[in-house]
Amino acid sequence: MPDRVATEFFTDASPRLLGSAYRILGSRADTEDAVQDTFLKWQRTDRRKIGNPSAWLTTICTRRYAQGGGARFHRPGAAAVLAAVAMGDR
C-alpha cells in the first residue's frame, strides 16, 4: 500500500479508532495519544504483510495501552470493553 493510500486509509479509520480507544481509556488526551502512536507504528510497518489493515489498526491501538504501553485504564470495566473490541463486538 503506497504511503498516500495508507495515510488516507488511516484517516478514514481514525474515527473508529478514537471511539474504541476512548471506550477503553476514558480520557480524550490518552485517546489521542493512543491513536497517534498507532499512526506512527502504521507508518513504520511493512503494510504488505498485513492481511486486514482495519483489524490490525484496531488491535494495535487497543492492545498497546492494555499491555502497559501507555496510560492506565481510567474506567471501570475497561478490560471487558477491550475484550469486546478485540472480538469485534461493538
Protein backbone atom coordinates (compact mmCIF):
# COMPACT_ATOMS: atom_id res chain seq x y z
CA MET A 1 0.00 0.00 0.00
CA PRO A 2 1.64 3.29 -1.06
CA ASP A 3 2.18 5.91 1.66
CA ARG A 4 -0.50 8.26 0.33
CA VAL A 5 -3.09 5.48 0.22
CA ALA A 6 -2.01 4.25 3.66
CA THR A 7 -2.43 7.74 5.11
CA GLU A 8 -5.90 8.05 3.56
CA PHE A 9 -6.84 4.62 4.91
CA PHE A 10 -5.68 5.62 8.39
CA THR A 11 -7.57 8.92 8.17
CA ASP A 12 -10.74 7.03 7.27
CA ALA A 13 -10.20 4.60 10.17
CA SER A 14 -9.40 7.31 12.73
CA PRO A 15 -12.97 7.94 13.98
CA ARG A 16 -13.40 4.22 14.73
CA LEU A 17 -10.01 4.07 16.43
CA LEU A 18 -10.81 7.15 18.51
CA GLY A 19 -14.11 5.61 19.60
CA SER A 20 -12.55 2.29 20.54
CA ALA A 21 -9.67 3.88 22.42
CA TYR A 22 -11.95 6.32 24.25
CA ARG A 23 -14.24 3.50 25.44
CA ILE A 24 -11.18 1.82 26.93
CA LEU A 25 -9.23 4.79 28.23
CA GLY A 26 -11.97 7.27 29.12
CA SER A 27 -9.67 10.25 28.59
CA ARG A 28 -9.51 12.40 25.50
CA ALA A 29 -5.78 13.08 25.90
CA ASP A 30 -4.95 9.39 26.36
CA THR A 31 -7.19 8.52 23.42
CA GLU A 32 -5.42 10.97 21.14
CA ASP A 33 -2.04 9.62 22.28
CA ALA A 34 -3.15 6.06 21.52
CA VAL A 35 -4.30 6.94 18.02
CA GLN A 36 -1.18 8.99 17.32
CA ASP A 37 1.06 6.13 18.50
CA THR A 38 -0.90 3.78 16.24
CA PHE A 39 -0.34 6.10 13.27
CA LEU A 40 3.41 6.18 13.92
CA LYS A 41 3.56 2.39 14.08
CA TRP A 42 1.40 2.19 10.92
CA GLN A 43 3.95 4.36 9.09
CA ARG A 44 6.90 2.17 10.20
CA THR A 45 5.23 -1.16 9.40
CA ASP A 46 5.61 -3.16 6.20
CA ARG A 47 1.93 -2.93 5.28
CA ARG A 48 2.32 -5.53 2.53
CA LYS A 49 2.37 -8.14 5.29
CA ILE A 50 -0.93 -7.01 6.82
CA GLY A 51 -3.87 -9.09 5.67
CA ASN A 52 -6.61 -7.00 7.28
CA PRO A 53 -5.47 -3.39 7.80
CA SER A 54 -8.63 -2.36 9.64
CA ALA A 55 -8.31 -5.17 12.19
CA TRP A 56 -4.58 -4.53 12.52
CA LEU A 57 -5.11 -0.85 13.35
CA THR A 58 -7.78 -1.64 15.94
CA THR A 59 -5.64 -4.32 17.54
CA ILE A 60 -2.54 -2.13 17.74
CA CYS A 61 -4.48 0.84 19.08
CA THR A 62 -6.26 -1.07 21.85
CA ARG A 63 -3.63 -3.59 22.89
CA ARG A 64 -0.79 -1.09 23.19
CA TYR A 65 -2.46 0.57 26.14
CA ALA A 66 -3.89 -2.61 27.63
CA GLN A 67 -0.39 -4.06 27.93
CA GLY A 68 1.03 -1.11 29.84
CA GLY A 69 2.50 0.64 26.81
CA GLY A 70 0.76 3.86 27.73
CA ALA A 71 -1.86 5.22 30.04
CA ARG A 72 -3.50 3.07 32.66
CA PHE A 73 -7.17 2.23 32.39
CA HIS A 74 -9.29 5.00 33.86
CA ARG A 75 -12.71 3.47 33.53
CA PRO A 76 -14.26 0.60 35.45
CA GLY A 77 -14.82 -2.35 33.16
CA ALA A 78 -12.18 -1.25 30.67
CA ALA A 79 -10.80 -4.77 30.40
CA ALA A 80 -14.23 -6.06 29.36
CA VAL A 81 -14.51 -3.32 26.74
CA LEU A 82 -11.08 -4.22 25.40
CA ALA A 83 -12.09 -7.86 25.11
CA ALA A 84 -15.28 -6.92 23.24
CA VAL A 85 -13.37 -4.65 20.85
CA ALA A 86 -10.77 -7.33 20.21
CA MET A 87 -13.56 -9.82 19.46
CA GLY A 88 -15.23 -7.39 17.06
CA ASP A 89 -18.26 -6.65 19.27
CA ARG A 90 -19.42 -3.07 19.47
